[in-house]
Amino acid sequence: TGSPLCTITLRRRPDGVRVTVSDSDTAPPERRD
């Protein structure tokens, strides 16, 4: 991304946890073909 600024959120769920990292770049992560 163009900036190292981000936010991490951990959200407890009944069956586990959701880890979310938010950043200012709109390009999605690239998966290998």
Full PDB file with SEQRES, HELIX, SHEET, SSBOND, CRYST1, ORIGX, SCALE, CONECT and MASTER records, all heavy atoms in Angstrom:
SEQRES   1 A   33  THR GLY SER PRO LEU CYS THR ILE THR LEU ARG ARG ARG          
SEQRES   2 A   33  PRO ASP GLY VAL ARG VAL THR VAL SER ASP SER ASP THR          
SEQRES   3 A   33  ALA PRO PRO GLU ARG ARG ASP                                  
SHEET    1 AA1 2 CYS A   6  ARG A  13  0                                        
SHEET    2 AA1 2 GLY A  16  ASP A  23 -1                                        
CRYST1    1.000    1.000    1.000  90.00  90.00  90.00 P 1           1          
ORIGX1      1.000000  0.000000  0.000000        0.00000                         
ORIGX2      0.000000  1.000000  0.000000        0.00000                         
ORIGX3      0.000000  0.000000  1.000000        0.00000                         
SCALE1      1.000000  0.000000  0.000000        0.00000                         
SCALE2      0.000000  1.000000  0.000000        0.00000                         
SCALE3      0.000000  0.000000  1.000000        0.00000                         
ATOM      1  N   THR A   1       0.853  -1.191   0.000  1.00  0.00           N  
ATOM      2  CA  THR A   1       0.000   0.000   0.000  1.00  0.00           C  
ATOM      3  C   THR A   1       0.882   1.231   0.000  1.00  0.00           C  
ATOM      4  O   THR A   1       2.072   1.158   0.273  1.00  0.00           O  
ATOM      5  CB  THR A   1      -0.940   0.034   1.230  1.00  0.00           C  
ATOM      6  OG1 THR A   1      -0.156   0.239   2.405  1.00  0.00           O  
ATOM      7  CG2 THR A   1      -1.763  -1.235   1.349  1.00  0.00           C  
ATOM      8  N   GLY A   2       0.304   2.354  -0.271  1.00  0.00           N  
ATOM      9  CA  GLY A   2       1.077   3.589  -0.308  1.00  0.00           C  
ATOM     10  C   GLY A   2       1.325   4.194   1.054  1.00  0.00           C  
ATOM     11  O   GLY A   2       2.094   5.139   1.180  1.00  0.00           O  
ATOM     12  N   SER A   3       0.694   3.670   2.089  1.00  0.00           N  
ATOM     13  CA  SER A   3       0.838   4.228   3.428  1.00  0.00           C  
ATOM     14  C   SER A   3       0.834   3.102   4.456  1.00  0.00           C  
ATOM     15  O   SER A   3       0.004   2.196   4.381  1.00  0.00           O  
ATOM     16  CB  SER A   3      -0.314   5.185   3.726  1.00  0.00           C  
ATOM     17  OG  SER A   3      -0.297   5.566   5.091  1.00  0.00           O  
ATOM     18  N   PRO A   4       1.716   3.170   5.450  1.00  0.00           N  
ATOM     19  CA  PRO A   4       1.719   2.146   6.490  1.00  0.00           C  
ATOM     20  C   PRO A   4       0.663   2.364   7.574  1.00  0.00           C  
ATOM     21  O   PRO A   4       0.529   1.554   8.485  1.00  0.00           O  
ATOM     22  CB  PRO A   4       3.136   2.256   7.075  1.00  0.00           C  
ATOM     23  CG  PRO A   4       3.487   3.694   6.896  1.00  0.00           C  
ATOM     24  CD  PRO A   4       2.830   4.100   5.594  1.00  0.00           C  
ATOM     25  N   LEU A   5      -0.112   3.453   7.473  1.00  0.00           N  
ATOM     26  CA  LEU A   5      -1.161   3.705   8.452  1.00  0.00           C  
ATOM     27  C   LEU A   5      -2.310   2.727   8.236  1.00  0.00           C  
ATOM     28  O   LEU A   5      -2.781   2.551   7.108  1.00  0.00           O  
ATOM     29  CB  LEU A   5      -1.675   5.134   8.336  1.00  0.00           C  
ATOM     30  CG  LEU A   5      -0.664   6.237   8.586  1.00  0.00           C  
ATOM     31  CD1 LEU A   5      -1.285   7.590   8.300  1.00  0.00           C  
ATOM     32  CD2 LEU A   5      -0.118   6.167   9.998  1.00  0.00           C  
ATOM     33  N   CYS A   6      -2.753   2.095   9.316  1.00  0.00           N  
ATOM     34  CA  CYS A   6      -3.849   1.130   9.200  1.00  0.00           C  
ATOM     35  C   CYS A   6      -4.538   0.990  10.548  1.00  0.00           C  
ATOM     36  O   CYS A   6      -4.108   1.553  11.548  1.00  0.00           O  
ATOM     37  CB  CYS A   6      -3.337  -0.223   8.698  1.00  0.00           C  
ATOM     38  SG  CYS A   6      -2.144  -1.023   9.788  1.00  0.00           S  
ATOM     39  N   THR A   7      -5.600   0.225  10.549  1.00  0.00           N  
ATOM     40  CA  THR A   7      -6.342  -0.075  11.771  1.00  0.00           C  
ATOM     41  C   THR A   7      -6.575  -1.566  11.812  1.00  0.00           C  
ATOM     42  O   THR A   7      -6.966  -2.169  10.808  1.00  0.00           O  
ATOM     43  CB  THR A   7      -7.705   0.658  11.787  1.00  0.00           C  
ATOM     44  OG1 THR A   7      -7.470   2.053  11.669  1.00  0.00           O  
ATOM     45  CG2 THR A   7      -8.475   0.375  13.058  1.00  0.00           C  
ATOM     46  N   ILE A   8      -6.345  -2.166  12.981  1.00  0.00           N  
ATOM     47  CA  ILE A   8      -6.655  -3.575  13.166  1.00  0.00           C  
ATOM     48  C   ILE A   8      -7.853  -3.666  14.108  1.00  0.00           C  
ATOM     49  O   ILE A   8      -7.947  -2.901  15.083  1.00  0.00           O  
ATOM     50  CB  ILE A   8      -5.458  -4.375  13.721  1.00  0.00           C  
ATOM     51  CG1 ILE A   8      -5.817  -5.852  13.820  1.00  0.00           C  
ATOM     52  CG2 ILE A   8      -4.980  -3.825  15.051  1.00  0.00           C  
ATOM     53  CD1 ILE A   8      -4.658  -6.756  14.112  1.00  0.00           C  
ATOM     54  N   THR A   9      -8.762  -4.565  13.782  1.00  0.00           N  
ATOM     55  CA  THR A   9      -9.914  -4.817  14.629  1.00  0.00           C  
ATOM     56  C   THR A   9     -10.014  -6.318  14.863  1.00  0.00           C  
ATOM     57  O   THR A   9      -9.941  -7.105  13.916  1.00  0.00           O  
ATOM     58  CB  THR A   9     -11.220  -4.317  13.965  1.00  0.00           C  
ATOM     59  OG1 THR A   9     -11.073  -2.941  13.624  1.00  0.00           O  
ATOM     60  CG2 THR A   9     -12.419  -4.501  14.878  1.00  0.00           C  
ATOM     61  N   LEU A  10     -10.169  -6.690  16.130  1.00  0.00           N  
ATOM     62  CA  LEU A  10     -10.453  -8.077  16.490  1.00  0.00           C  
ATOM     63  C   LEU A  10     -11.885  -8.109  16.995  1.00  0.00           C  
ATOM     64  O   LEU A  10     -12.238  -7.361  17.910  1.00  0.00           O  
ATOM     65  CB  LEU A  10      -9.526  -8.556  17.614  1.00  0.00           C  
ATOM     66  CG  LEU A  10      -8.039  -8.465  17.361  1.00  0.00           C  
ATOM     67  CD1 LEU A  10      -7.278  -8.915  18.597  1.00  0.00           C  
ATOM     68  CD2 LEU A  10      -7.657  -9.311  16.167  1.00  0.00           C  
ATOM     69  N   ARG A  11     -12.686  -8.943  16.390  1.00  0.00           N  
ATOM     70  CA  ARG A  11     -14.094  -9.045  16.780  1.00  0.00           C  
ATOM     71  C   ARG A  11     -14.373 -10.481  17.192  1.00  0.00           C  
ATOM     72  O   ARG A  11     -14.232 -11.404  16.390  1.00  0.00           O  
ATOM     73  CB  ARG A  11     -14.995  -8.625  15.633  1.00  0.00           C  
ATOM     74  CG  ARG A  11     -16.474  -8.783  15.956  1.00  0.00           C  
ATOM     75  CD  ARG A  11     -17.339  -7.982  15.033  1.00  0.00           C  
ATOM     76  NE  ARG A  11     -17.138  -6.576  15.385  1.00  0.00           N  
ATOM     77  CZ  ARG A  11     -17.045  -5.601  14.491  1.00  0.00           C  
ATOM     78  NH1 ARG A  11     -17.128  -5.850  13.214  1.00  0.00           N  
ATOM     79  NH2 ARG A  11     -16.873  -4.359  14.878  1.00  0.00           N  
ATOM     80  N   ARG A  12     -14.746 -10.641  18.453  1.00  0.00           N  
ATOM     81  CA  ARG A  12     -15.099 -11.971  18.936  1.00  0.00           C  
ATOM     82  C   ARG A  12     -16.432 -12.383  18.322  1.00  0.00           C  
ATOM     83  O   ARG A  12     -17.345 -11.581  18.202  1.00  0.00           O  
ATOM     84  CB  ARG A  12     -15.219 -11.975  20.452  1.00  0.00           C  
ATOM     85  CG  ARG A  12     -15.483 -13.365  20.966  1.00  0.00           C  
ATOM     86  CD  ARG A  12     -15.476 -13.411  22.453  1.00  0.00           C  
ATOM     87  NE  ARG A  12     -15.655 -14.796  22.875  1.00  0.00           N  
ATOM     88  CZ  ARG A  12     -15.913 -15.148  24.082  1.00  0.00           C  
ATOM     89  NH1 ARG A  12     -16.018 -14.239  25.030  1.00  0.00           N  
ATOM     90  NH2 ARG A  12     -16.072 -16.420  24.383  1.00  0.00           N  
ATOM     91  N   ARG A  13     -16.504 -13.639  17.932  1.00  0.00           N  
ATOM     92  CA  ARG A  13     -17.715 -14.207  17.359  1.00  0.00           C  
ATOM     93  C   ARG A  13     -18.069 -15.459  18.140  1.00  0.00           C  
ATOM     94  O   ARG A  13     -17.207 -16.024  18.804  1.00  0.00           O  
ATOM     95  CB  ARG A  13     -17.480 -14.543  15.894  1.00  0.00           C  
ATOM     96  CG  ARG A  13     -17.122 -13.285  15.121  1.00  0.00           C  
ATOM     97  CD  ARG A  13     -17.216 -13.499  13.674  1.00  0.00           C  
ATOM     98  NE  ARG A  13     -17.368 -12.188  13.068  1.00  0.00           N  
ATOM     99  CZ  ARG A  13     -18.123 -11.975  12.030  1.00  0.00           C  
ATOM    100  NH1 ARG A  13     -18.795 -12.943  11.471  1.00  0.00           N  
ATOM    101  NH2 ARG A  13     -18.205 -10.773  11.515  1.00  0.00           N  
ATOM    102  N   PRO A  14     -19.298 -15.938  18.040  1.00  0.00           N  
ATOM    103  CA  PRO A  14     -19.658 -17.148  18.792  1.00  0.00           C  
ATOM    104  C   PRO A  14     -18.780 -18.354  18.456  1.00  0.00           C  
ATOM    105  O   PRO A  14     -18.560 -19.209  19.308  1.00  0.00           O  
ATOM    106  CB  PRO A  14     -21.112 -17.410  18.385  1.00  0.00           C  
ATOM    107  CG  PRO A  14     -21.626 -16.086  17.943  1.00  0.00           C  
ATOM    108  CD  PRO A  14     -20.448 -15.359  17.342  1.00  0.00           C  
ATOM    109  N   ASP A  15     -18.253 -18.388  17.235  1.00  0.00           N  
ATOM    110  CA  ASP A  15     -17.456 -19.551  16.821  1.00  0.00           C  
ATOM    111  C   ASP A  15     -15.991 -19.208  16.547  1.00  0.00           C  
ATOM    112  O   ASP A  15     -15.288 -19.960  15.904  1.00  0.00           O  
ATOM    113  CB  ASP A  15     -18.077 -20.201  15.591  1.00  0.00           C  
ATOM    114  CG  ASP A  15     -18.153 -19.252  14.407  1.00  0.00           C  
ATOM    115  OD1 ASP A  15     -17.947 -18.030  14.580  1.00  0.00           O  
ATOM    116  OD2 ASP A  15     -18.426 -19.727  13.294  1.00  0.00           O  
ATOM    117  N   GLY A  16     -15.528 -18.057  17.036  1.00  0.00           N  
ATOM    118  CA  GLY A  16     -14.134 -17.702  16.797  1.00  0.00           C  
ATOM    119  C   GLY A  16     -13.890 -16.215  16.853  1.00  0.00           C  
ATOM    120  O   GLY A  16     -14.471 -15.505  17.672  1.00  0.00           O  
ATOM    121  N   VAL A  17     -13.050 -15.752  15.952  1.00  0.00           N  
ATOM    122  CA  VAL A  17     -12.665 -14.350  15.918  1.00  0.00           C  
ATOM    123  C   VAL A  17     -12.510 -13.900  14.470  1.00  0.00           C  
ATOM    124  O   VAL A  17     -12.122 -14.688  13.609  1.00  0.00           O  
ATOM    125  CB  VAL A  17     -11.346 -14.126  16.704  1.00  0.00           C  
ATOM    126  CG1 VAL A  17     -10.189 -14.844  16.059  1.00  0.00           C  
ATOM    127  CG2 VAL A  17     -11.032 -12.643  16.885  1.00  0.00           C  
ATOM    128  N   ARG A  18     -12.835 -12.646  14.221  1.00  0.00           N  
ATOM    129  CA  ARG A  18     -12.568 -12.034  12.916  1.00  0.00           C  
ATOM    130  C   ARG A  18     -11.456 -11.010  13.105  1.00  0.00           C  
ATOM    131  O   ARG A  18     -11.545 -10.135  13.954  1.00  0.00           O  
ATOM    132  CB  ARG A  18     -13.792 -11.346  12.333  1.00  0.00           C  
ATOM    133  CG  ARG A  18     -13.450 -10.599  11.016  1.00  0.00           C  
ATOM    134  CD  ARG A  18     -14.646 -10.073  10.306  1.00  0.00           C  
ATOM    135  NE  ARG A  18     -15.262 -11.184   9.583  1.00  0.00           N  
ATOM    136  CZ  ARG A  18     -16.239 -11.035   8.697  1.00  0.00           C  
ATOM    137  NH1 ARG A  18     -16.719  -9.835   8.428  1.00  0.00           N  
ATOM    138  NH2 ARG A  18     -16.750 -12.086   8.083  1.00  0.00           N  
ATOM    139  N   VAL A  19     -10.417 -11.153  12.301  1.00  0.00           N  
ATOM    140  CA  VAL A  19      -9.304 -10.206  12.268  1.00  0.00           C  
ATOM    141  C   VAL A  19      -9.499  -9.363  11.015  1.00  0.00           C  
ATOM    142  O   VAL A  19      -9.613  -9.901   9.913  1.00  0.00           O  
ATOM    143  CB  VAL A  19      -7.946 -10.935  12.197  1.00  0.00           C  
ATOM    144  CG1 VAL A  19      -6.812  -9.931  12.116  1.00  0.00           C  
ATOM    145  CG2 VAL A  19      -7.763 -11.884  13.369  1.00  0.00           C  
ATOM    146  N   THR A  20      -9.556  -8.043  11.190  1.00  0.00           N  
ATOM    147  CA  THR A  20      -9.714  -7.135  10.057  1.00  0.00           C  
ATOM    148  C   THR A  20      -8.606  -6.096  10.102  1.00  0.00           C  
ATOM    149  O   THR A  20      -8.340  -5.512  11.160  1.00  0.00           O  
ATOM    150  CB  THR A  20     -11.076  -6.412  10.094  1.00  0.00           C  
ATOM    151  OG1 THR A  20     -12.127  -7.376  10.142  1.00  0.00           O  
ATOM    152  CG2 THR A  20     -11.257  -5.511   8.884  1.00  0.00           C  
ATOM    153  N   VAL A  21      -7.968  -5.876   8.968  1.00  0.00           N  
ATOM    154  CA  VAL A  21      -6.997  -4.800   8.847  1.00  0.00           C  
ATOM    155  C   VAL A  21      -7.522  -3.856   7.771  1.00  0.00           C  
ATOM    156  O   VAL A  21      -7.802  -4.272   6.650  1.00  0.00           O  
ATOM    157  CB  VAL A  21      -5.581  -5.318   8.506  1.00  0.00           C  
ATOM    158  CG1 VAL A  21      -4.643  -4.160   8.214  1.00  0.00           C  
ATOM    159  CG2 VAL A  21      -5.047  -6.164   9.661  1.00  0.00           C  
ATOM    160  N   SER A  22      -7.665  -2.597   8.151  1.00  0.00           N  
ATOM    161  CA  SER A  22      -8.173  -1.559   7.248  1.00  0.00           C  
ATOM    162  C   SER A  22      -7.025  -0.630   6.877  1.00  0.00           C  
ATOM    163  O   SER A  22      -6.230  -0.249   7.734  1.00  0.00           O  
ATOM    164  CB  SER A  22      -9.267  -0.749   7.948  1.00  0.00           C  
ATOM    165  OG  SER A  22     -10.285  -1.597   8.435  1.00  0.00           O  
ATOM    166  N   ASP A  23      -6.955  -0.297   5.590  1.00  0.00           N  
ATOM    167  CA  ASP A  23      -5.916   0.630   5.140  1.00  0.00           C  
ATOM    168  C   ASP A  23      -6.503   1.596   4.129  1.00  0.00           C  
ATOM    169  O   ASP A  23      -7.680   1.510   3.794  1.00  0.00           O  
ATOM    170  CB  ASP A  23      -4.696  -0.128   4.588  1.00  0.00           C  
ATOM    171  CG  ASP A  23      -5.005  -0.951   3.353  1.00  0.00           C  
ATOM    172  OD1 ASP A  23      -5.533  -0.390   2.365  1.00  0.00           O  
ATOM    173  OD2 ASP A  23      -4.707  -2.157   3.357  1.00  0.00           O  
ATOM    174  N   SER A  24      -5.681   2.512   3.637  1.00  0.00           N  
ATOM    175  CA  SER A  24      -6.173   3.576   2.753  1.00  0.00           C  
ATOM    176  C   SER A  24      -5.995   3.274   1.271  1.00  0.00           C  
ATOM    177  O   SER A  24      -6.277   4.122   0.433  1.00  0.00           O  
ATOM    178  CB  SER A  24      -5.456   4.893   3.088  1.00  0.00           C  
ATOM    179  OG  SER A  24      -4.066   4.743   2.902  1.00  0.00           O  
ATOM    180  N   ASP A  25      -5.564   2.076   0.924  1.00  0.00           N  
ATOM    181  CA  ASP A  25      -5.377   1.680  -0.473  1.00  0.00           C  
ATOM    182  C   ASP A  25      -6.621   0.918  -0.932  1.00  0.00           C  
ATOM    183  O   ASP A  25      -7.073   0.010  -0.248  1.00  0.00           O  
ATOM    184  CB  ASP A  25      -4.142   0.788  -0.583  1.00  0.00           C  
ATOM    185  CG  ASP A  25      -3.729   0.503  -2.013  1.00  0.00           C  
ATOM    186  OD1 ASP A  25      -4.507   0.788  -2.942  1.00  0.00           O  
ATOM    187  OD2 ASP A  25      -2.624  -0.020  -2.189  1.00  0.00           O  
ATOM    188  N   THR A  26      -7.175   1.271  -2.078  1.00  0.00           N  
ATOM    189  CA  THR A  26      -8.388   0.606  -2.550  1.00  0.00           C  
ATOM    190  C   THR A  26      -8.106  -0.671  -3.351  1.00  0.00           C  
ATOM    191  O   THR A  26      -9.030  -1.429  -3.637  1.00  0.00           O  
ATOM    192  CB  THR A  26      -9.251   1.561  -3.414  1.00  0.00           C  
ATOM    193  OG1 THR A  26      -8.460   2.025  -4.500  1.00  0.00           O  
ATOM    194  CG2 THR A  26      -9.765   2.730  -2.581  1.00  0.00           C  
ATOM    195  N   ALA A  27      -6.852  -0.920  -3.699  1.00  0.00           N  
ATOM    196  CA  ALA A  27      -6.523  -2.123  -4.470  1.00  0.00           C  
ATOM    197  C   ALA A  27      -6.627  -3.355  -3.576  1.00  0.00           C  
ATOM    198  O   ALA A  27      -6.049  -3.383  -2.493  1.00  0.00           O  
ATOM    199  CB  ALA A  27      -5.118  -2.018  -5.055  1.00  0.00           C  
ATOM    200  N   PRO A  28      -7.363  -4.375  -4.023  1.00  0.00           N  
ATOM    201  CA  PRO A  28      -7.479  -5.590  -3.197  1.00  0.00           C  
ATOM    202  C   PRO A  28      -6.168  -6.369  -3.194  1.00  0.00           C  
ATOM    203  O   PRO A  28      -5.337  -6.211  -4.088  1.00  0.00           O  
ATOM    204  CB  PRO A  28      -8.582  -6.390  -3.908  1.00  0.00           C  
ATOM    205  CG  PRO A  28      -8.542  -5.916  -5.315  1.00  0.00           C  
ATOM    206  CD  PRO A  28      -8.103  -4.470  -5.268  1.00  0.00           C  
ATOM    207  N   PRO A  29      -5.978  -7.199  -2.165  1.00  0.00           N  
ATOM    208  CA  PRO A  29      -4.774  -8.044  -2.160  1.00  0.00           C  
ATOM    209  C   PRO A  29      -4.788  -8.954  -3.382  1.00  0.00           C  
ATOM    210  O   PRO A  29      -5.850  -9.409  -3.815  1.00  0.00           O  
ATOM    211  CB  PRO A  29      -4.903  -8.876  -0.887  1.00  0.00           C  
ATOM    212  CG  PRO A  29      -6.012  -8.280  -0.113  1.00  0.00           C  
ATOM    213  CD  PRO A  29      -6.830  -7.447  -1.032  1.00  0.00           C  
ATOM    214  N   GLU A  30      -3.620  -9.186  -3.933  1.00  0.00           N  
ATOM    215  CA  GLU A  30      -3.531 -10.031  -5.121  1.00  0.00           C  
ATOM    216  C   GLU A  30      -3.301 -11.479  -4.730  1.00  0.00           C  
ATOM    217  O   GLU A  30      -2.384 -11.779  -3.987  1.00  0.00           O  
ATOM    218  CB  GLU A  30      -2.383  -9.558  -6.015  1.00  0.00           C  
ATOM    219  CG  GLU A  30      -2.663  -8.244  -6.683  1.00  0.00           C  
ATOM    220  CD  GLU A  30      -1.569  -7.871  -7.665  1.00  0.00           C  
ATOM    221  OE1 GLU A  30      -0.909  -8.772  -8.225  1.00  0.00           O  
ATOM    222  OE2 GLU A  30      -1.374  -6.658  -7.870  1.00  0.00           O  
ATOM    223  N   ARG A  31      -4.152 -12.335  -5.262  1.00  0.00           N  
ATOM    224  CA  ARG A  31      -3.944 -13.774  -5.115  1.00  0.00           C  
ATOM    225  C   ARG A  31      -3.166 -14.251  -6.315  1.00  0.00           C  
ATOM    226  O   ARG A  31      -3.344 -13.755  -7.419  1.00  0.00           O  
ATOM    227  CB  ARG A  31      -5.278 -14.517  -5.083  1.00  0.00           C  
ATOM    228  CG  ARG A  31      -6.012 -14.341  -3.815  1.00  0.00           C  
ATOM    229  CD  ARG A  31      -7.251 -15.201  -3.825  1.00  0.00           C  
ATOM    230  NE  ARG A  31      -7.846 -15.121  -2.512  1.00  0.00           N  
ATOM    231  CZ  ARG A  31      -8.340 -16.149  -1.878  1.00  0.00           C  
ATOM    232  NH1 ARG A  31      -8.366 -17.325  -2.433  1.00  0.00           N  
ATOM    233  NH2 ARG A  31      -8.841 -16.004  -0.679  1.00  0.00           N  
ATOM    234  N   ARG A  32      -2.351 -15.224  -6.104  1.00  0.00           N  
ATOM    235  CA  ARG A  32      -1.633 -15.818  -7.235  1.00  0.00           C  
ATOM    236  C   ARG A  32      -2.633 -16.481  -8.169  1.00  0.00           C  
ATOM    237  O   ARG A  32      -3.589 -17.104  -7.723  1.00  0.00           O  
ATOM    238  CB  ARG A  32      -0.661 -16.869  -6.740  1.00  0.00           C  
ATOM    239  CG  ARG A  32       0.629 -16.254  -6.406  1.00  0.00           C  
ATOM    240  CD  ARG A  32       1.706 -17.306  -6.504  1.00  0.00           C  
ATOM    241  NE  ARG A  32       2.910 -16.693  -6.038  1.00  0.00           N  
ATOM    242  CZ  ARG A  32       3.834 -16.215  -6.844  1.00  0.00           C  
ATOM    243  NH1 ARG A  32       3.729 -16.344  -8.127  1.00  0.00           N  
ATOM    244  NH2 ARG A  32       4.889 -15.625  -6.361  1.00  0.00           N  
ATOM    245  N   ASP A  33      -2.390 -16.349  -9.415  1.00  0.00           N  
ATOM    246  CA  ASP A  33      -3.198 -17.021 -10.429  1.00  0.00           C  
ATOM    247  C   ASP A  33      -3.027 -18.536 -10.239  1.00  0.00           C  
ATOM    248  O   ASP A  33      -1.902 -19.032 -10.199  1.00  0.00           O  
ATOM    249  CB  ASP A  33      -2.702 -16.596 -11.811  1.00  0.00           C  
ATOM    250  CG  ASP A  33      -3.494 -17.204 -12.949  1.00  0.00           C  
ATOM    251  OD1 ASP A  33      -4.305 -18.115 -12.707  1.00  0.00           O  
ATOM    252  OD2 ASP A  33      -3.281 -16.759 -14.083  1.00  0.00           O  
TER     253      ASP A  33                                                      
MASTER        0    0    0    0    2    0    0    6  252    1    0    3          
END                                                                             
